[in-house]
């Protein structure tokens, strides 16, 4: 979450980029960059970003597994042999 103290204008960020990057690396907190008063860009430490992406990917993976398990419980799946048989029949093989 971006704190109110971590919202800065593009002009200020441009003038003090090195200092902001050092702060981000030290605190691991992202900052929002505003243009004309609107938050437009988030700058974040690369390791923190990668951790966030990894967590999101893990969550999607778990959700897909749960969806598959539900499909099995609800009888919405076919036996693999039946599936291949259907494919061969459809393709005239």
PDB file of N, CA and C in Angstrom:
ATOM      1  N   UNK A   1       0.847  -1.181   0.000  1.00  0.00           N
ATOM      2  CA  UNK A   1       0.000   0.000   0.000  1.00  0.00           C
ATOM      3  C   UNK A   1       0.887   1.237   0.000  1.00  0.00           C
ATOM      4  N   UNK A   2       0.506   2.203  -0.760  1.00  0.00           N
ATOM      5  CA  UNK A   2       1.275   3.439  -0.840  1.00  0.00           C
ATOM      6  C   UNK A   2       0.733   4.421   0.188  1.00  0.00           C
ATOM      7  N   UNK A   3       1.630   4.891   1.034  1.00  0.00           N
ATOM      8  CA  UNK A   3       1.251   5.848   2.070  1.00  0.00           C
ATOM      9  C   UNK A   3       1.199   7.258   1.487  1.00  0.00           C
ATOM     10  N   UNK A   4       0.434   8.124   2.128  1.00  0.00           N
ATOM     11  CA  UNK A   4       0.301   9.505   1.662  1.00  0.00           C
ATOM     12  C   UNK A   4       1.656  10.202   1.585  1.00  0.00           C
ATOM     13  N   UNK A   5       2.582   9.808   2.451  1.00  0.00           N
ATOM     14  CA  UNK A   5       3.913  10.429   2.435  1.00  0.00           C
ATOM     15  C   UNK A   5       4.774   9.907   1.289  1.00  0.00           C
ATOM     16  N   UNK A   6       4.303   8.906   0.574  1.00  0.00           N
ATOM     17  CA  UNK A   6       5.048   8.322  -0.531  1.00  0.00           C
ATOM     18  C   UNK A   6       4.436   8.670  -1.883  1.00  0.00           C
ATOM     19  N   UNK A   7       3.820   9.837  -1.963  1.00  0.00           N
ATOM     20  CA  UNK A   7       3.249  10.333  -3.212  1.00  0.00           C
ATOM     21  C   UNK A   7       3.994  11.609  -3.574  1.00  0.00           C
ATOM     22  N   UNK A   8       4.592  11.615  -4.769  1.00  0.00           N
ATOM     23  CA  UNK A   8       5.458  12.736  -5.153  1.00  0.00           C
ATOM     24  C   UNK A   8       5.199  13.124  -6.602  1.00  0.00           C
ATOM     25  N   UNK A   9       5.456  14.397  -6.883  1.00  0.00           N
ATOM     26  CA  UNK A   9       5.274  14.877  -8.252  1.00  0.00           C
ATOM     27  C   UNK A   9       6.416  14.385  -9.146  1.00  0.00           C
ATOM     28  N   UNK A  10       6.126  14.297 -10.420  1.00  0.00           N
ATOM     29  CA  UNK A  10       7.143  13.907 -11.382  1.00  0.00           C
ATOM     30  C   UNK A  10       8.304  14.892 -11.366  1.00  0.00           C
ATOM     31  N   UNK A  11       7.990  16.159 -11.221  1.00  0.00           N
ATOM     32  CA  UNK A  11       9.035  17.187 -11.176  1.00  0.00           C
ATOM     33  C   UNK A  11       9.981  16.929 -10.010  1.00  0.00           C
ATOM     34  N   UNK A  12       9.430  16.694  -8.825  1.00  0.00           N
ATOM     35  CA  UNK A  12      10.260  16.443  -7.642  1.00  0.00           C
ATOM     36  C   UNK A  12      11.042  15.142  -7.794  1.00  0.00           C
ATOM     37  N   UNK A  13      10.389  14.110  -8.328  1.00  0.00           N
ATOM     38  CA  UNK A  13      11.078  12.834  -8.525  1.00  0.00           C
ATOM     39  C   UNK A  13      12.245  13.004  -9.499  1.00  0.00           C
ATOM     40  N   UNK A  14      12.029  13.753 -10.580  1.00  0.00           N
ATOM     41  CA  UNK A  14      13.075  13.961 -11.576  1.00  0.00           C
ATOM     42  C   UNK A  14      14.274  14.682 -10.963  1.00  0.00           C
ATOM     43  N   UNK A  15      13.994  15.678 -10.156  1.00  0.00           N
ATOM     44  CA  UNK A  15      15.073  16.449  -9.523  1.00  0.00           C
ATOM     45  C   UNK A  15      15.849  15.626  -8.493  1.00  0.00           C
ATOM     46  N   UNK A  16      15.164  14.678  -7.843  1.00  0.00           N
ATOM     47  CA  UNK A  16      15.766  13.944  -6.730  1.00  0.00           C
ATOM     48  C   UNK A  16      15.705  12.429  -6.928  1.00  0.00           C
ATOM     49  N   UNK A  17      15.784  11.974  -8.157  1.00  0.00           N
ATOM     50  CA  UNK A  17      15.598  10.554  -8.472  1.00  0.00           C
ATOM     51  C   UNK A  17      16.531   9.657  -7.666  1.00  0.00           C
ATOM     52  N   UNK A  18      17.783  10.003  -7.584  1.00  0.00           N
ATOM     53  CA  UNK A  18      18.753   9.159  -6.880  1.00  0.00           C
ATOM     54  C   UNK A  18      18.345   8.967  -5.412  1.00  0.00           C
ATOM     55  N   UNK A  19      17.939  10.040  -4.765  1.00  0.00           N
ATOM     56  CA  UNK A  19      17.513   9.960  -3.367  1.00  0.00           C
ATOM     57  C   UNK A  19      16.259   9.113  -3.201  1.00  0.00           C
ATOM     58  N   UNK A  20      15.318   9.274  -4.106  1.00  0.00           N
ATOM     59  CA  UNK A  20      14.092   8.472  -4.036  1.00  0.00           C
ATOM     60  C   UNK A  20      14.390   6.987  -4.238  1.00  0.00           C
ATOM     61  N   UNK A  21      15.268   6.704  -5.183  1.00  0.00           N
ATOM     62  CA  UNK A  21      15.606   5.293  -5.436  1.00  0.00           C
ATOM     63  C   UNK A  21      16.293   4.687  -4.221  1.00  0.00           C
ATOM     64  N   UNK A  22      17.176   5.423  -3.599  1.00  0.00           N
ATOM     65  CA  UNK A  22      17.826   4.922  -2.386  1.00  0.00           C
ATOM     66  C   UNK A  22      16.803   4.657  -1.285  1.00  0.00           C
ATOM     67  N   UNK A  23      15.847   5.576  -1.126  1.00  0.00           N
ATOM     68  CA  UNK A  23      14.803   5.404  -0.106  1.00  0.00           C
ATOM     69  C   UNK A  23      13.964   4.165  -0.395  1.00  0.00           C
ATOM     70  N   UNK A  24      13.608   3.981  -1.656  1.00  0.00           N
ATOM     71  CA  UNK A  24      12.807   2.814  -2.043  1.00  0.00           C
ATOM     72  C   UNK A  24      13.576   1.528  -1.751  1.00  0.00           C
ATOM     73  N   UNK A  25      14.850   1.507  -2.080  1.00  0.00           N
ATOM     74  CA  UNK A  25      15.659   0.312  -1.834  1.00  0.00           C
ATOM     75  C   UNK A  25      15.808   0.021  -0.347  1.00  0.00           C
ATOM     76  N   UNK A  26      15.923   1.047   0.454  1.00  0.00           N
ATOM     77  CA  UNK A  26      16.081   0.873   1.900  1.00  0.00           C
ATOM     78  C   UNK A  26      14.780   0.429   2.573  1.00  0.00           C
ATOM     79  N   UNK A  27      13.689   1.081   2.218  1.00  0.00           N
ATOM     80  CA  UNK A  27      12.418   0.821   2.904  1.00  0.00           C
ATOM     81  C   UNK A  27      11.602  -0.292   2.270  1.00  0.00           C
ATOM     82  N   UNK A  28      11.864  -0.573   0.995  1.00  0.00           N
ATOM     83  CA  UNK A  28      11.083  -1.529   0.207  1.00  0.00           C
ATOM     84  C   UNK A  28       9.651  -1.049  -0.028  1.00  0.00           C
ATOM     85  N   UNK A  29       9.376   0.216   0.294  1.00  0.00           N
ATOM     86  CA  UNK A  29       8.050   0.794   0.075  1.00  0.00           C
ATOM     87  C   UNK A  29       7.994   1.462  -1.294  1.00  0.00           C
ATOM     88  N   UNK A  30       6.945   1.213  -2.066  1.00  0.00           N
ATOM     89  CA  UNK A  30       6.814   1.877  -3.365  1.00  0.00           C
ATOM     90  C   UNK A  30       6.421   3.342  -3.188  1.00  0.00           C
ATOM     91  N   UNK A  31       6.637   4.127  -4.239  1.00  0.00           N
ATOM     92  CA  UNK A  31       6.151   5.501  -4.232  1.00  0.00           C
ATOM     93  C   UNK A  31       5.310   5.716  -5.481  1.00  0.00           C
ATOM     94  N   UNK A  32       4.357   6.617  -5.357  1.00  0.00           N
ATOM     95  CA  UNK A  32       3.523   6.988  -6.499  1.00  0.00           C
ATOM     96  C   UNK A  32       4.039   8.301  -7.051  1.00  0.00           C
ATOM     97  N   UNK A  33       4.087   8.380  -8.365  1.00  0.00           N
ATOM     98  CA  UNK A  33       4.512   9.600  -9.045  1.00  0.00           C
ATOM     99  C   UNK A  33       3.267  10.226  -9.669  1.00  0.00           C
ATOM    100  N   UNK A  34       3.085  11.522  -9.388  1.00  0.00           N
ATOM    101  CA  UNK A  34       1.911  12.212  -9.918  1.00  0.00           C
ATOM    102  C   UNK A  34       2.291  13.116 -11.079  1.00  0.00           C
ATOM    103  N   UNK A  35       1.346  13.242 -11.980  1.00  0.00           N
ATOM    104  CA  UNK A  35       1.456  14.194 -13.075  1.00  0.00           C
ATOM    105  C   UNK A  35       0.171  15.007 -13.047  1.00  0.00           C
ATOM    106  N   UNK A  36       0.323  16.308 -12.910  1.00  0.00           N
ATOM    107  CA  UNK A  36      -0.826  17.218 -12.785  1.00  0.00           C
ATOM    108  C   UNK A  36      -1.752  16.787 -11.650  1.00  0.00           C
ATOM    109  N   UNK A  37      -1.173  16.299 -10.564  1.00  0.00           N
ATOM    110  CA  UNK A  37      -1.952  15.947  -9.381  1.00  0.00           C
ATOM    111  C   UNK A  37      -2.582  14.570  -9.395  1.00  0.00           C
ATOM    112  N   UNK A  38      -2.418  13.824 -10.483  1.00  0.00           N
ATOM    113  CA  UNK A  38      -2.988  12.482 -10.577  1.00  0.00           C
ATOM    114  C   UNK A  38      -1.884  11.431 -10.507  1.00  0.00           C
ATOM    115  N   UNK A  39      -2.073  10.423  -9.667  1.00  0.00           N
ATOM    116  CA  UNK A  39      -1.099   9.335  -9.586  1.00  0.00           C
ATOM    117  C   UNK A  39      -1.078   8.610 -10.923  1.00  0.00           C
ATOM    118  N   UNK A  40       0.087   8.539 -11.548  1.00  0.00           N
ATOM    119  CA  UNK A  40       0.215   7.951 -12.878  1.00  0.00           C
ATOM    120  C   UNK A  40       1.137   6.747 -12.914  1.00  0.00           C
ATOM    121  N   UNK A  41       2.158   6.730 -12.045  1.00  0.00           N
ATOM    122  CA  UNK A  41       3.172   5.686 -12.091  1.00  0.00           C
ATOM    123  C   UNK A  41       3.559   5.303 -10.670  1.00  0.00           C
ATOM    124  N   UNK A  42       3.858   4.018 -10.483  1.00  0.00           N
ATOM    125  CA  UNK A  42       4.380   3.544  -9.209  1.00  0.00           C
ATOM    126  C   UNK A  42       5.804   3.068  -9.438  1.00  0.00           C
ATOM    127  N   UNK A  43       6.709   3.504  -8.570  1.00  0.00           N
ATOM    128  CA  UNK A  43       8.103   3.075  -8.634  1.00  0.00           C
ATOM    129  C   UNK A  43       8.331   2.168  -7.435  1.00  0.00           C
ATOM    130  N   UNK A  44       8.899   0.993  -7.710  1.00  0.00           N
ATOM    131  CA  UNK A  44       9.018  -0.026  -6.672  1.00  0.00           C
ATOM    132  C   UNK A  44      10.360  -0.736  -6.788  1.00  0.00           C
ATOM    133  N   UNK A  45      10.879  -1.200  -5.672  1.00  0.00           N
ATOM    134  CA  UNK A  45      12.090  -1.997  -5.624  1.00  0.00           C
ATOM    135  C   UNK A  45      11.880  -3.268  -6.445  1.00  0.00           C
ATOM    136  N   UNK A  46      12.899  -3.665  -7.216  1.00  0.00           N
ATOM    137  CA  UNK A  46      12.768  -4.822  -8.110  1.00  0.00           C
ATOM    138  C   UNK A  46      12.484  -6.112  -7.342  1.00  0.00           C
ATOM    139  N   UNK A  47      13.143  -6.322  -6.209  1.00  0.00           N
ATOM    140  CA  UNK A  47      12.898  -7.549  -5.436  1.00  0.00           C
ATOM    141  C   UNK A  47      11.484  -7.569  -4.868  1.00  0.00           C
ATOM    142  N   UNK A  48      11.007  -6.428  -4.391  1.00  0.00           N
ATOM    143  CA  UNK A  48       9.644  -6.357  -3.863  1.00  0.00           C
ATOM    144  C   UNK A  48       8.636  -6.602  -4.988  1.00  0.00           C
ATOM    145  N   UNK A  49       8.918  -6.062  -6.163  1.00  0.00           N
ATOM    146  CA  UNK A  49       8.039  -6.280  -7.308  1.00  0.00           C
ATOM    147  C   UNK A  49       7.997  -7.762  -7.665  1.00  0.00           C
ATOM    148  N   UNK A  50       9.177  -8.397  -7.732  1.00  0.00           N
ATOM    149  CA  UNK A  50       9.221  -9.815  -8.087  1.00  0.00           C
ATOM    150  C   UNK A  50       8.478 -10.659  -7.063  1.00  0.00           C
ATOM    151  N   UNK A  51       8.617 -10.324  -5.778  1.00  0.00           N
ATOM    152  CA  UNK A  51       7.897 -11.055  -4.735  1.00  0.00           C
ATOM    153  C   UNK A  51       6.387 -10.909  -4.931  1.00  0.00           C
ATOM    154  N   UNK A  52       5.941  -9.710  -5.298  1.00  0.00           N
ATOM    155  CA  UNK A  52       4.516  -9.474  -5.531  1.00  0.00           C
ATOM    156  C   UNK A  52       4.030 -10.285  -6.733  1.00  0.00           C
ATOM    157  N   UNK A  53       4.805 -10.309  -7.808  1.00  0.00           N
ATOM    158  CA  UNK A  53       4.434 -11.076  -8.996  1.00  0.00           C
ATOM    159  C   UNK A  53       4.394 -12.568  -8.675  1.00  0.00           C
ATOM    160  N   UNK A  54       5.383 -13.052  -7.920  1.00  0.00           N
ATOM    161  CA  UNK A  54       5.412 -14.466  -7.545  1.00  0.00           C
ATOM    162  C   UNK A  54       4.196 -14.837  -6.702  1.00  0.00           C
ATOM    163  N   UNK A  55       3.825 -13.960  -5.774  1.00  0.00           N
ATOM    164  CA  UNK A  55       2.659 -14.228  -4.926  1.00  0.00           C
ATOM    165  C   UNK A  55       1.378 -14.250  -5.751  1.00  0.00           C
ATOM    166  N   UNK A  56       1.253 -13.345  -6.688  1.00  0.00           N
ATOM    167  CA  UNK A  56       0.081 -13.313  -7.564  1.00  0.00           C
ATOM    168  C   UNK A  56       0.008 -14.580  -8.406  1.00  0.00           C
ATOM    169  N   UNK A  57       1.136 -14.994  -8.965  1.00  0.00           N
ATOM    170  CA  UNK A  57       1.173 -16.207  -9.774  1.00  0.00           C
ATOM    171  C   UNK A  57       0.799 -17.428  -8.936  1.00  0.00           C
ATOM    172  N   UNK A  58       1.300 -17.482  -7.715  1.00  0.00           N
ATOM    173  CA  UNK A  58       0.965 -18.589  -6.813  1.00  0.00           C
ATOM    174  C   UNK A  58      -0.546 -18.602  -6.532  1.00  0.00           C
ATOM    175  N   UNK A  59      -1.110 -17.429  -6.276  1.00  0.00           N
ATOM    176  CA  UNK A  59      -2.551 -17.341  -6.010  1.00  0.00           C
ATOM    177  C   UNK A  59      -3.369 -17.810  -7.209  1.00  0.00           C
ATOM    178  N   UNK A  60      -2.942 -17.430  -8.416  1.00  0.00           N
ATOM    179  CA  UNK A  60      -3.643 -17.874  -9.628  1.00  0.00           C
ATOM    180  C   UNK A  60      -3.535 -19.384  -9.796  1.00  0.00           C
ATOM    181  N   UNK A  61      -2.363 -19.934  -9.490  1.00  0.00           N
ATOM    182  CA  UNK A  61      -2.144 -21.374  -9.589  1.00  0.00           C
ATOM    183  C   UNK A  61      -3.054 -22.118  -8.624  1.00  0.00           C
ATOM    184  N   UNK A  62      -3.122 -21.647  -7.383  1.00  0.00           N
ATOM    185  CA  UNK A  62      -3.985 -22.275  -6.378  1.00  0.00           C
ATOM    186  C   UNK A  62      -5.448 -22.182  -6.807  1.00  0.00           C
ATOM    187  N   UNK A  63      -5.857 -21.034  -7.348  1.00  0.00           N
ATOM    188  CA  UNK A  63      -7.241 -20.868  -7.810  1.00  0.00           C
ATOM    189  C   UNK A  63      -7.556 -21.845  -8.949  1.00  0.00           C
ATOM    190  N   UNK A  64      -6.605 -22.044  -9.862  1.00  0.00           N
ATOM    191  CA  UNK A  64      -6.812 -22.982 -10.973  1.00  0.00           C
ATOM    192  C   UNK A  64      -6.946 -24.408 -10.456  1.00  0.00           C
ATOM    193  N   UNK A  65      -6.140 -24.778  -9.483  1.00  0.00           N
ATOM    194  CA  UNK A  65      -6.244 -26.120  -8.884  1.00  0.00           C
ATOM    195  C   UNK A  65      -7.607 -26.299  -8.226  1.00  0.00           C
ATOM    196  N   UNK A  66      -8.031 -25.291  -7.485  1.00  0.00           N
ATOM    197  CA  UNK A  66      -9.345 -25.382  -6.827  1.00  0.00           C
ATOM    198  C   UNK A  66     -10.470 -25.486  -7.849  1.00  0.00           C
ATOM    199  N   UNK A  67     -10.340 -24.766  -8.944  1.00  0.00           N
ATOM    200  CA  UNK A  67     -11.349 -24.839 -10.011  1.00  0.00           C
ATOM    201  C   UNK A  67     -11.387 -26.245 -10.609  1.00  0.00           C
ATOM    202  N   UNK A  68     -10.215 -26.827 -10.825  1.00  0.00           N
ATOM    203  CA  UNK A  68     -10.146 -28.192 -11.353  1.00  0.00           C
ATOM    204  C   UNK A  68     -10.723 -29.208 -10.387  1.00  0.00           C
ATOM    205  N   UNK A  69     -10.420 -29.042  -9.106  1.00  0.00           N
ATOM    206  CA  UNK A  69     -10.968 -29.955  -8.093  1.00  0.00           C
ATOM    207  C   UNK A  69     -12.486 -29.862  -8.044  1.00  0.00           C
ATOM    208  N   UNK A  70     -13.010 -28.653  -8.171  1.00  0.00           N
ATOM    209  CA  UNK A  70     -14.465 -28.463  -8.165  1.00  0.00           C
ATOM    210  C   UNK A  70     -15.089 -29.129  -9.392  1.00  0.00           C
ATOM    211  N   UNK A  71     -14.432 -28.995 -10.541  1.00  0.00           N
ATOM    212  CA  UNK A  71     -14.946 -29.623 -11.757  1.00  0.00           C
ATOM    213  C   UNK A  71     -15.000 -31.140 -11.592  1.00  0.00           C
ATOM    214  N   UNK A  72     -14.000 -31.709 -10.955  1.00  0.00           N
ATOM    215  CA  UNK A  72     -13.994 -33.156 -10.701  1.00  0.00           C
ATOM    216  C   UNK A  72     -15.144 -33.516  -9.769  1.00  0.00           C
ATOM    217  N   UNK A  73     -15.294 -32.773  -8.673  1.00  0.00           N
ATOM    218  CA  UNK A  73     -16.385 -33.055  -7.718  1.00  0.00           C
ATOM    219  C   UNK A  73     -17.754 -32.946  -8.374  1.00  0.00           C
ATOM    220  N   UNK A  74     -17.889 -31.972  -9.297  1.00  0.00           N
ATOM    221  CA  UNK A  74     -19.179 -31.738  -9.956  1.00  0.00           C
ATOM    222  C   UNK A  74     -19.399 -32.636 -11.165  1.00  0.00           C
ATOM    223  N   UNK A  75     -18.449 -33.529 -11.437  1.00  0.00           N
ATOM    224  CA  UNK A  75     -18.586 -34.460 -12.551  1.00  0.00           C
ATOM    225  C   UNK A  75     -18.467 -33.807 -13.908  1.00  0.00           C
ATOM    226  N   UNK A  76     -17.726 -32.723 -14.007  1.00  0.00           N
ATOM    227  CA  UNK A  76     -17.599 -31.996 -15.268  1.00  0.00           C
ATOM    228  C   UNK A  76     -16.358 -32.393 -16.059  1.00  0.00           C
ATOM    229  N   UNK A  77     -15.777 -33.522 -15.751  1.00  0.00           N
ATOM    230  CA  UNK A  77     -14.574 -33.961 -16.450  1.00  0.00           C
ATOM    231  C   UNK A  77     -14.812 -35.322 -17.087  1.00  0.00           C
ATOM    232  N   UNK A  78     -13.966 -35.639 -18.095  1.00  0.00           N
ATOM    233  CA  UNK A  78     -14.042 -36.936 -18.759  1.00  0.00           C
ATOM    234  C   UNK A  78     -12.771 -37.718 -18.464  1.00  0.00           C
ATOM    235  N   UNK A  79     -12.883 -38.997 -18.544  1.00  0.00           N
ATOM    236  CA  UNK A  79     -11.733 -39.885 -18.471  1.00  0.00           C
ATOM    237  C   UNK A  79     -10.827 -39.590 -19.661  1.00  0.00           C
ATOM    238  N   UNK A  80      -9.517 -39.671 -19.475  1.00  0.00           N
ATOM    239  CA  UNK A  80      -8.576 -39.355 -20.537  1.00  0.00           C
ATOM    240  C   UNK A  80      -8.767 -40.264 -21.746  1.00  0.00           C
ATOM    241  N   UNK A  81      -9.019 -41.552 -21.528  1.00  0.00           N
ATOM    242  CA  UNK A  81      -9.239 -42.470 -22.652  1.00  0.00           C
ATOM    243  C   UNK A  81     -10.469 -42.072 -23.449  1.00  0.00           C
ATOM    244  N   UNK A  82     -11.521 -41.656 -22.755  1.00  0.00           N
ATOM    245  CA  UNK A  82     -12.739 -41.215 -23.433  1.00  0.00           C
ATOM    246  C   UNK A  82     -12.477 -39.930 -24.220  1.00  0.00           C
ATOM    247  N   UNK A  83     -11.694 -39.040 -23.655  1.00  0.00           N
ATOM    248  CA  UNK A  83     -11.369 -37.782 -24.336  1.00  0.00           C
ATOM    249  C   UNK A  83     -10.618 -38.045 -25.632  1.00  0.00           C
ATOM    250  N   UNK A  84      -9.598 -38.924 -25.579  1.00  0.00           N
ATOM    251  CA  UNK A  84      -8.846 -39.244 -26.796  1.00  0.00           C
ATOM    252  C   UNK A  84      -9.725 -39.961 -27.807  1.00  0.00           C
ATOM    253  N   UNK A  85     -10.596 -40.809 -27.345  1.00  0.00           N
ATOM    254  CA  UNK A  85     -11.521 -41.500 -28.235  1.00  0.00           C
ATOM    255  C   UNK A  85     -12.422 -40.495 -28.949  1.00  0.00           C
ATOM    256  N   UNK A  86     -12.937 -39.531 -28.205  1.00  0.00           N
ATOM    257  CA  UNK A  86     -13.783 -38.481 -28.790  1.00  0.00           C
ATOM    258  C   UNK A  86     -13.013 -37.665 -29.827  1.00  0.00           C
ATOM    259  N   UNK A  87     -11.753 -37.363 -29.528  1.00  0.00           N
ATOM    260  CA  UNK A  87     -10.916 -36.583 -30.456  1.00  0.00           C
ATOM    261  C   UNK A  87     -10.681 -37.370 -31.741  1.00  0.00           C
ATOM    262  N   UNK A  88     -10.321 -38.667 -31.590  1.00  0.00           N
ATOM    263  CA  UNK A  88     -10.095 -39.500 -32.774  1.00  0.00           C
ATOM    264  C   UNK A  88     -11.346 -39.593 -33.618  1.00  0.00           C
ATOM    265  N   UNK A  89     -12.478 -39.750 -32.962  1.00  0.00           N
ATOM    266  CA  UNK A  89     -13.752 -39.861 -33.686  1.00  0.00           C
ATOM    267  C   UNK A  89     -14.043 -38.537 -34.422  1.00  0.00           C
ATOM    268  N   UNK A  90     -13.833 -37.446 -33.759  1.00  0.00           N
ATOM    269  CA  UNK A  90     -14.110 -36.133 -34.353  1.00  0.00           C
ATOM    270  C   UNK A  90     -13.214 -35.885 -35.571  1.00  0.00           C
ATOM    271  N   UNK A  91     -11.970 -36.356 -35.503  1.00  0.00           N
ATOM    272  CA  UNK A  91     -11.024 -36.158 -36.602  1.00  0.00           C
ATOM    273  C   UNK A  91     -11.072 -37.274 -37.645  1.00  0.00           C
ATOM    274  N   UNK A  92     -11.898 -38.274 -37.403  1.00  0.00           N
ATOM    275  CA  UNK A  92     -12.042 -39.374 -38.338  1.00  0.00           C
ATOM    276  C   UNK A  92     -10.810 -40.265 -38.389  1.00  0.00           C
ATOM    277  N   UNK A  93     -10.185 -40.456 -37.277  1.00  0.00           N
ATOM    278  CA  UNK A  93      -8.969 -41.288 -37.237  1.00  0.00           C
ATOM    279  C   UNK A  93      -9.280 -42.700 -36.775  1.00  0.00           C
TER     280      UNK A  93
END
